[in-house]
Amino acid sequence: MGHYAPLAVLLPVRFQEIAPDAKETAFALVSGSGAVVAMVVGPVAGALSDRTAGRLGRHPWTLGGAALAAAALVFLAGQRTAAGTLVGWCAAQAGLNTMQASLTAEQADQVPVRQRATVAGWMGITAGSALLPVFAVTRVVSGTGPAFLLTGAVVLLSAAVFALLTFRPSAAPRRPPPPEPGRPGRLHRADFLWAWTSRALFFTGWSLATVYVLYYLVDEVRYERRFPGKTGADGVLEVSVVFTAVLVVSTLLSGVVSDRTGRRRGMAVGGSAVVTAGIMVWALWPSWPAVLVGTALLAVGHGAFLSVDQALVTQVLPAAAHRARDLGVVNISYTGPQTLAPLVAGPVVTSLGGYETLFVVAAVLTLLAGLTVRNVRGVG
């Protein structure tokens, strides 16, 4: 909710309101700056989380990050300038990624290897779908100000519920976990590097393809002209409904099949290929029916890749005692593309070929992600 509501709807709409003639550039600057903050904060917060050995475990980092994010989102509710929005979003990213670093490590701490793709599938439904946040900020409330307030409240409440339901006051202090099964040493680190590179390529392509969805629907697909009385945000919501419906099936099915067969790489390769196909549908046929077909393909591929790849990467972490730190580094493969995508997408859309060129570049990157993951040798 904290990541997707602002990036999918609230920030793009805010810049349509305050900088309509430079909305792409303003959005690129703010979202890119926030992603730079995320790249720094994630590993640092993860390393500090690894050093927390008290009975509260990683919960202080989850709750502290959520509190900072909520305060920043409340601040954003009242901002009507690009500078104020920049400050607020950077603070929100700092809080969200502190929270994410500890939560991601909980999966590696608590879930056995044989169940990780299934659990990652359930987590991937929320991580990969913008349906709930888009619905909330377009239907539950009206206006970007109240929507930012609602988003902040949901972030803080969700973190509090998680901490309450998983807090065990009688538990012993958390100890460093046992090493993961797999090949130690230089070969294990090479697998980690290949897995990280594959994720970075995938999410760079994904970010390029989706960073301007609202603007693509309005300016290229002509959604508002095709459906008088509706806005681009309504189009994003409809796309999100299709995406989520397909994603739920794809993600859960992929996770279960991967856990039962032990196969990770092949499903990741297939997922990246299907995402590539979906992006090319958007590139070649900028029409509303094609948008829906491409969205369904994106959901199938994203579900397969994300659930399987998340499980894969937890099996090739270099050091079990530094899981949160290393997973913070892994998260750079997600937050880094957020930095790159707006900076690249803005000039491409406005001056270097438009959305067709942007989508072709994105498709090539997601295809390379599948080819790269094949080099991870320590996992099936």
Protein backbone atom coordinates (compact mmCIF):
# COMPACT_ATOMS: atom_id res chain seq x y z
CA MET A 1 0.00 0.00 0.00
CA GLY A 2 2.76 2.42 0.95
CA HIS A 3 4.75 1.77 -2.21
CA TYR A 4 2.08 1.29 -4.85
CA ALA A 5 -0.62 3.82 -4.01
CA PRO A 6 1.77 6.79 -4.39
CA LEU A 7 3.69 5.40 -7.36
CA ALA A 8 0.69 4.10 -9.32
CA VAL A 9 -1.75 6.93 -8.72
CA LEU A 10 -1.07 9.57 -6.09
CA LEU A 11 2.24 11.03 -7.28
CA PRO A 12 1.30 10.97 -11.00
CA VAL A 13 -2.04 12.66 -10.26
CA ARG A 14 -0.39 15.17 -7.93
CA PHE A 15 2.01 16.22 -10.69
CA GLN A 16 -0.82 16.43 -13.20
CA GLU A 17 -2.30 19.00 -10.84
CA ILE A 18 0.77 21.04 -9.89
CA ALA A 19 3.03 20.63 -12.97
CA PRO A 20 0.88 19.54 -15.95
CA ASP A 21 3.43 20.69 -18.55
CA ALA A 22 6.33 18.83 -16.93
CA LYS A 23 4.59 15.95 -15.19
CA GLU A 24 6.91 13.23 -16.57
CA THR A 25 10.06 15.10 -15.55
CA ALA A 26 8.75 16.01 -12.09
CA PHE A 27 7.59 12.47 -11.42
CA ALA A 28 10.93 11.10 -12.63
CA LEU A 29 12.85 13.38 -10.27
CA VAL A 30 10.77 12.62 -7.20
CA SER A 31 10.38 8.87 -7.70
CA GLY A 32 14.03 8.49 -8.70
CA SER A 33 15.24 10.40 -5.65
CA GLY A 34 13.08 8.28 -3.39
CA ALA A 35 14.51 5.14 -4.92
CA VAL A 36 18.07 6.35 -4.25
CA VAL A 37 17.12 6.74 -0.59
CA ALA A 38 15.67 3.23 -0.64
CA MET A 39 18.88 1.79 -2.09
CA VAL A 40 20.90 3.22 0.80
CA VAL A 41 18.45 2.61 3.62
CA GLY A 42 17.59 -1.02 2.80
CA PRO A 43 21.02 -2.62 3.42
CA VAL A 44 21.77 -0.35 6.39
CA ALA A 45 18.45 -1.10 8.09
CA GLY A 46 18.93 -4.78 7.31
CA ALA A 47 22.38 -4.85 8.88
CA LEU A 48 21.05 -3.15 12.01
CA SER A 49 18.15 -5.59 12.10
CA ASP A 50 20.61 -8.50 12.00
CA ARG A 51 22.28 -7.11 15.14
CA THR A 52 19.01 -6.97 17.09
CA ALA A 53 19.09 -9.99 19.35
CA GLY A 54 16.54 -9.07 22.04
CA ARG A 55 13.17 -10.66 22.67
CA LEU A 56 11.52 -8.14 20.36
CA GLY A 57 13.56 -9.50 17.46
CA ARG A 58 13.20 -7.46 14.30
CA HIS A 59 9.90 -5.87 15.35
CA PRO A 60 11.38 -2.49 16.42
CA TRP A 61 12.63 -1.98 12.87
CA THR A 62 9.30 -2.96 11.36
CA LEU A 63 7.36 -0.63 13.64
CA GLY A 64 9.87 2.21 13.49
CA GLY A 65 9.96 2.11 9.71
CA ALA A 66 6.16 2.06 9.53
CA ALA A 67 5.89 5.04 11.87
CA LEU A 68 8.36 7.08 9.80
CA ALA A 69 6.57 6.14 6.56
CA ALA A 70 3.17 7.04 7.98
CA ALA A 71 4.41 10.43 9.21
CA ALA A 72 5.93 11.16 5.79
CA LEU A 73 2.71 10.21 3.99
CA VAL A 74 0.75 12.54 6.28
CA PHE A 75 3.25 15.26 5.39
CA LEU A 76 2.74 14.53 1.68
CA ALA A 77 -1.01 15.02 2.06
CA GLY A 78 -0.51 18.76 2.47
CA GLN A 79 2.21 19.36 -0.12
CA ARG A 80 1.42 21.33 -3.26
CA THR A 81 4.97 21.92 -4.54
CA ALA A 82 7.48 19.63 -6.24
CA ALA A 83 10.10 20.40 -3.57
CA GLY A 84 7.81 19.49 -0.68
CA THR A 85 6.70 16.33 -2.46
CA LEU A 86 10.33 15.38 -3.02
CA VAL A 87 11.17 15.70 0.68
CA GLY A 88 8.08 13.80 1.75
CA TRP A 89 8.54 10.91 -0.67
CA CYS A 90 12.21 10.47 0.25
CA ALA A 91 11.24 10.25 3.93
CA ALA A 92 8.47 7.81 3.09
CA GLN A 93 10.90 5.60 1.16
CA ALA A 94 13.30 5.61 4.11
CA GLY A 95 10.56 4.35 6.41
CA LEU A 96 9.08 1.85 3.97
CA ASN A 97 12.44 0.27 3.21
CA THR A 98 13.41 0.04 6.87
CA MET A 99 10.16 -1.85 7.36
CA GLN A 100 10.70 -3.98 4.25
CA ALA A 101 14.25 -4.98 5.21
CA SER A 102 13.09 -6.55 8.47
CA LEU A 103 9.96 -8.14 6.98
CA THR A 104 11.85 -9.76 4.11
CA ALA A 105 14.33 -11.28 6.56
CA GLU A 106 11.45 -12.76 8.58
CA GLN A 107 10.65 -14.99 5.59
CA ALA A 108 14.17 -16.39 5.49
CA ASP A 109 14.25 -16.69 9.31
CA GLN A 110 10.94 -18.49 9.77
CA VAL A 111 10.05 -20.41 6.59
CA PRO A 112 11.66 -23.77 5.69
CA VAL A 113 13.26 -23.97 2.25
CA ARG A 114 10.69 -26.52 1.06
CA GLN A 115 7.86 -24.01 1.64
CA ARG A 116 9.46 -20.77 0.56
CA ALA A 117 8.08 -20.52 -2.98
CA THR A 118 4.55 -21.09 -1.66
CA VAL A 119 4.96 -18.46 1.03
CA ALA A 120 6.65 -16.13 -1.43
CA GLY A 121 3.63 -16.62 -3.66
CA TRP A 122 1.27 -15.40 -0.95
CA MET A 123 3.57 -12.46 -0.24
CA GLY A 124 3.91 -11.79 -3.95
CA ILE A 125 0.16 -11.26 -4.30
CA THR A 126 0.39 -8.20 -2.08
CA ALA A 127 3.79 -7.11 -3.35
CA GLY A 128 2.87 -7.45 -7.00
CA SER A 129 -0.66 -6.13 -7.07
CA ALA A 130 -1.73 -2.53 -6.99
CA LEU A 131 -5.45 -3.40 -6.78
CA LEU A 132 -6.02 -2.67 -3.08
CA PRO A 133 -4.08 0.61 -2.97
CA VAL A 134 -5.49 1.83 -6.29
CA PHE A 135 -9.04 0.93 -5.24
CA ALA A 136 -8.57 2.59 -1.87
CA VAL A 137 -7.26 5.87 -3.23
CA THR A 138 -9.75 6.09 -6.12
CA ARG A 139 -12.95 4.77 -4.51
CA VAL A 140 -12.72 4.96 -0.72
CA VAL A 141 -11.56 8.59 -0.57
CA SER A 142 -11.59 11.55 -2.94
CA GLY A 143 -8.51 13.67 -3.65
CA THR A 144 -4.80 13.05 -3.22
CA GLY A 145 -4.62 14.63 0.23
CA PRO A 146 -7.08 12.26 1.95
CA ALA A 147 -5.62 9.38 -0.06
CA PHE A 148 -2.14 10.00 1.34
CA LEU A 149 -3.63 10.10 4.85
CA LEU A 150 -5.43 6.79 4.28
CA THR A 151 -2.26 5.20 2.92
CA GLY A 152 -0.25 6.26 5.96
CA ALA A 153 -2.89 4.90 8.32
CA VAL A 154 -2.97 1.53 6.55
CA VAL A 155 0.83 1.21 6.65
CA LEU A 156 1.01 1.90 10.39
CA LEU A 157 -1.98 -0.26 11.28
CA SER A 158 -0.75 -3.23 9.23
CA ALA A 159 2.70 -3.12 10.83
CA ALA A 160 1.16 -2.92 14.31
CA VAL A 161 -1.10 -5.92 13.65
CA PHE A 162 1.83 -7.95 12.30
CA ALA A 163 3.99 -7.16 15.34
CA LEU A 164 1.16 -7.94 17.75
CA LEU A 165 0.27 -11.28 16.19
CA THR A 166 3.88 -12.47 15.91
CA PHE A 167 5.24 -11.18 19.23
CA ARG A 168 6.14 -13.99 21.64
CA PRO A 169 7.18 -12.53 25.02
CA SER A 170 8.24 -15.93 26.35
CA ALA A 171 10.52 -16.68 23.41
CA ALA A 172 14.27 -16.77 23.80
CA PRO A 173 16.30 -13.95 22.26
CA ARG A 174 16.79 -14.44 18.55
CA ARG A 175 20.03 -16.21 17.70
CA PRO A 176 21.89 -16.29 14.39
CA PRO A 177 20.13 -18.84 12.14
CA PRO A 178 21.85 -21.97 10.87
CA PRO A 179 23.52 -21.85 7.46
CA GLU A 180 21.38 -22.51 4.40
CA PRO A 181 21.89 -25.79 2.57
CA GLY A 182 23.83 -25.30 -0.61
CA ARG A 183 27.33 -24.71 -1.88
CA PRO A 184 29.45 -22.49 0.37
CA GLY A 185 32.25 -20.16 -0.57
CA ARG A 186 33.04 -18.56 -3.90
CA LEU A 187 30.52 -20.60 -5.93
CA HIS A 188 27.71 -19.71 -3.54
CA ARG A 189 28.60 -16.02 -3.83
CA ALA A 190 28.59 -16.36 -7.63
CA ASP A 191 25.08 -17.81 -7.47
CA PHE A 192 24.03 -14.86 -5.32
CA LEU A 193 25.49 -12.43 -7.87
CA TRP A 194 23.70 -14.12 -10.78
CA ALA A 195 20.40 -14.17 -8.87
CA TRP A 196 20.80 -10.48 -8.01
CA THR A 197 21.61 -9.59 -11.62
CA SER A 198 18.59 -11.49 -12.90
CA ARG A 199 16.30 -9.64 -10.49
CA ALA A 200 17.85 -6.30 -11.39
CA LEU A 201 17.28 -6.91 -15.11
CA PHE A 202 13.72 -8.11 -14.52
CA PHE A 203 12.68 -5.21 -12.33
CA THR A 204 14.40 -2.66 -14.55
CA GLY A 205 12.36 -3.93 -17.48
CA TRP A 206 9.25 -4.13 -15.31
CA SER A 207 9.72 -0.61 -13.98
CA LEU A 208 10.27 0.84 -17.45
CA ALA A 209 7.09 -0.82 -18.68
CA THR A 210 4.88 0.24 -15.77
CA VAL A 211 6.26 3.56 -14.53
CA TYR A 212 3.96 5.64 -16.73
CA VAL A 213 0.90 3.39 -16.92
CA LEU A 214 -1.48 6.20 -16.04
CA TYR A 215 0.07 8.53 -18.62
CA TYR A 216 0.15 5.71 -21.21
CA LEU A 217 -3.56 5.07 -20.79
CA VAL A 218 -4.41 8.77 -21.05
CA ASP A 219 -2.02 9.92 -23.78
CA GLU A 220 -1.51 6.82 -25.96
CA VAL A 221 -4.55 4.56 -25.46
CA ARG A 222 -6.84 7.62 -25.16
CA TYR A 223 -8.73 5.98 -22.32
CA GLU A 224 -10.56 9.13 -21.24
CA ARG A 225 -11.77 9.78 -24.80
CA ARG A 226 -12.82 6.16 -25.26
CA PHE A 227 -14.77 6.18 -21.99
CA PRO A 228 -16.19 9.68 -21.45
CA GLY A 229 -16.69 10.53 -17.82
CA LYS A 230 -13.87 8.29 -16.63
CA THR A 231 -10.34 9.33 -15.64
CA GLY A 232 -6.94 7.76 -16.12
CA ALA A 233 -7.06 6.63 -12.49
CA ASP A 234 -10.19 4.65 -13.33
CA GLY A 235 -8.25 2.95 -16.12
CA VAL A 236 -5.43 2.07 -13.74
CA LEU A 237 -7.99 0.54 -11.38
CA GLU A 238 -9.50 -1.60 -14.15
CA VAL A 239 -6.06 -2.75 -15.26
CA SER A 240 -5.27 -3.58 -11.62
CA VAL A 241 -8.41 -5.72 -11.31
CA VAL A 242 -7.39 -7.84 -14.32
CA PHE A 243 -3.80 -8.01 -13.16
CA THR A 244 -4.68 -9.10 -9.64
CA ALA A 245 -7.22 -11.72 -10.67
CA VAL A 246 -4.66 -13.45 -12.90
CA LEU A 247 -1.76 -12.82 -10.52
CA VAL A 248 -3.42 -14.64 -7.62
CA VAL A 249 -3.77 -17.84 -9.63
CA SER A 250 -0.35 -17.60 -11.27
CA THR A 251 1.58 -16.78 -8.11
CA LEU A 252 0.06 -19.42 -5.86
CA LEU A 253 0.17 -22.14 -8.51
CA SER A 254 3.79 -21.36 -9.39
CA GLY A 255 4.86 -21.41 -5.77
CA VAL A 256 3.21 -24.74 -5.01
CA VAL A 257 4.56 -26.40 -8.17
CA SER A 258 8.07 -25.08 -7.52
CA ASP A 259 8.10 -26.32 -3.92
CA ARG A 260 6.80 -29.76 -4.85
CA THR A 261 9.21 -30.25 -7.74
CA GLY A 262 12.18 -28.33 -6.35
CA ARG A 263 12.48 -26.50 -9.67
CA ARG A 264 13.19 -22.78 -9.48
CA ARG A 265 15.20 -21.66 -12.51
CA GLY A 266 12.98 -23.08 -15.24
CA MET A 267 9.87 -21.40 -13.90
CA ALA A 268 11.71 -18.10 -13.54
CA VAL A 269 12.84 -18.33 -17.17
CA GLY A 270 9.30 -19.07 -18.31
CA GLY A 271 7.89 -16.23 -16.23
CA SER A 272 10.28 -13.68 -17.71
CA ALA A 273 9.40 -14.85 -21.25
CA VAL A 274 5.67 -14.39 -20.63
CA VAL A 275 6.25 -10.91 -19.18
CA THR A 276 8.24 -10.06 -22.31
CA ALA A 277 5.30 -11.13 -24.45
CA GLY A 278 2.90 -8.99 -22.43
CA ILE A 279 5.06 -5.90 -22.75
CA MET A 280 5.31 -6.39 -26.52
CA VAL A 281 1.51 -6.53 -26.77
CA TRP A 282 1.43 -3.08 -25.14
CA ALA A 283 4.14 -1.86 -27.51
CA LEU A 284 2.56 -3.04 -30.75
CA TRP A 285 -1.16 -2.49 -30.08
CA PRO A 286 -1.89 0.62 -27.97
CA SER A 287 -5.61 -0.09 -27.70
CA TRP A 288 -7.80 -0.89 -24.71
CA PRO A 289 -8.44 -4.58 -25.59
CA ALA A 290 -4.70 -5.10 -26.16
CA VAL A 291 -3.94 -3.42 -22.83
CA LEU A 292 -6.11 -5.99 -21.06
CA VAL A 293 -4.53 -8.93 -22.94
CA GLY A 294 -1.03 -7.63 -22.23
CA THR A 295 -1.93 -7.10 -18.59
CA ALA A 296 -3.06 -10.71 -18.23
CA LEU A 297 0.23 -11.92 -19.71
CA LEU A 298 2.17 -9.62 -17.39
CA ALA A 299 0.32 -11.08 -14.41
CA VAL A 300 1.01 -14.70 -15.43
CA GLY A 301 4.71 -14.04 -15.93
CA HIS A 302 5.16 -11.78 -12.94
CA GLY A 303 3.53 -14.31 -10.63
CA ALA A 304 5.73 -17.14 -11.84
CA PHE A 305 8.95 -15.15 -11.73
CA LEU A 306 8.41 -13.34 -8.44
CA SER A 307 7.33 -16.29 -6.29
CA VAL A 308 10.02 -18.62 -7.60
CA ASP A 309 12.82 -16.07 -7.73
CA GLN A 310 12.17 -14.84 -4.20
CA ALA A 311 12.50 -18.40 -2.92
CA LEU A 312 15.59 -18.94 -5.05
CA VAL A 313 17.42 -15.90 -3.75
CA THR A 314 16.87 -16.88 -0.09
CA GLN A 315 18.66 -20.16 -0.85
CA VAL A 316 21.84 -18.49 -2.16
CA LEU A 317 22.40 -15.84 0.53
CA PRO A 318 26.15 -15.64 1.28
CA ALA A 319 25.82 -15.66 5.09
CA ALA A 320 22.87 -16.88 7.18
CA ALA A 321 23.85 -14.64 10.10
CA HIS A 322 23.48 -11.55 7.88
CA ARG A 323 20.24 -12.35 6.14
CA ALA A 324 18.58 -8.98 6.55
CA ARG A 325 21.70 -7.15 5.39
CA ASP A 326 22.06 -9.36 2.32
CA LEU A 327 18.36 -9.20 1.58
CA GLY A 328 18.69 -5.42 1.83
CA VAL A 329 21.27 -5.72 -0.93
CA VAL A 330 18.82 -7.93 -2.83
CA ASN A 331 16.17 -5.24 -2.46
CA ILE A 332 18.46 -2.86 -4.34
CA SER A 333 17.67 -4.99 -7.39
CA TYR A 334 14.10 -3.77 -6.92
CA THR A 335 14.64 -0.22 -5.66
CA GLY A 336 17.52 0.50 -8.05
CA PRO A 337 15.30 0.09 -11.12
CA GLN A 338 12.88 2.56 -9.54
CA THR A 339 15.72 5.08 -9.72
CA LEU A 340 16.70 4.23 -13.27
CA ALA A 341 13.26 3.75 -14.81
CA PRO A 342 11.86 7.29 -14.48
CA LEU A 343 15.17 8.86 -15.52
CA VAL A 344 15.25 6.70 -18.66
CA ALA A 345 11.54 6.58 -19.39
CA GLY A 346 10.96 10.33 -19.29
CA PRO A 347 13.38 11.23 -22.14
CA VAL A 348 12.39 8.16 -24.17
CA VAL A 349 8.69 8.98 -24.02
CA THR A 350 9.09 12.69 -24.68
CA SER A 351 11.98 12.73 -27.20
CA LEU A 352 13.32 9.30 -28.24
CA GLY A 353 10.50 7.32 -29.80
CA GLY A 354 7.65 7.34 -27.31
CA TYR A 355 6.01 4.41 -25.57
CA GLU A 356 6.73 1.87 -28.32
CA THR A 357 10.49 2.34 -27.92
CA LEU A 358 10.17 2.31 -24.13
CA PHE A 359 8.29 -0.99 -24.14
CA VAL A 360 10.71 -2.66 -26.56
CA VAL A 361 13.65 -1.79 -24.29
CA ALA A 362 11.70 -3.09 -21.29
CA ALA A 363 10.90 -6.35 -23.09
CA VAL A 364 14.54 -6.97 -23.96
CA LEU A 365 15.57 -6.51 -20.32
CA THR A 366 12.96 -8.91 -18.95
CA LEU A 367 13.98 -11.52 -21.51
CA LEU A 368 17.64 -11.12 -20.47
CA ALA A 369 16.57 -11.65 -16.85
CA GLY A 370 15.35 -15.13 -17.70
CA LEU A 371 18.53 -15.99 -19.57
CA THR A 372 20.66 -14.75 -16.67
CA VAL A 373 18.93 -16.78 -13.95
CA ARG A 374 19.97 -19.95 -15.76
CA ASN A 375 23.53 -19.29 -14.49
CA VAL A 376 22.47 -19.95 -10.87
CA ARG A 377 23.88 -23.47 -10.45
CA GLY A 378 23.28 -24.22 -6.78
CA VAL A 379 19.49 -24.32 -7.12
CA GLY A 380 17.36 -26.58 -9.29
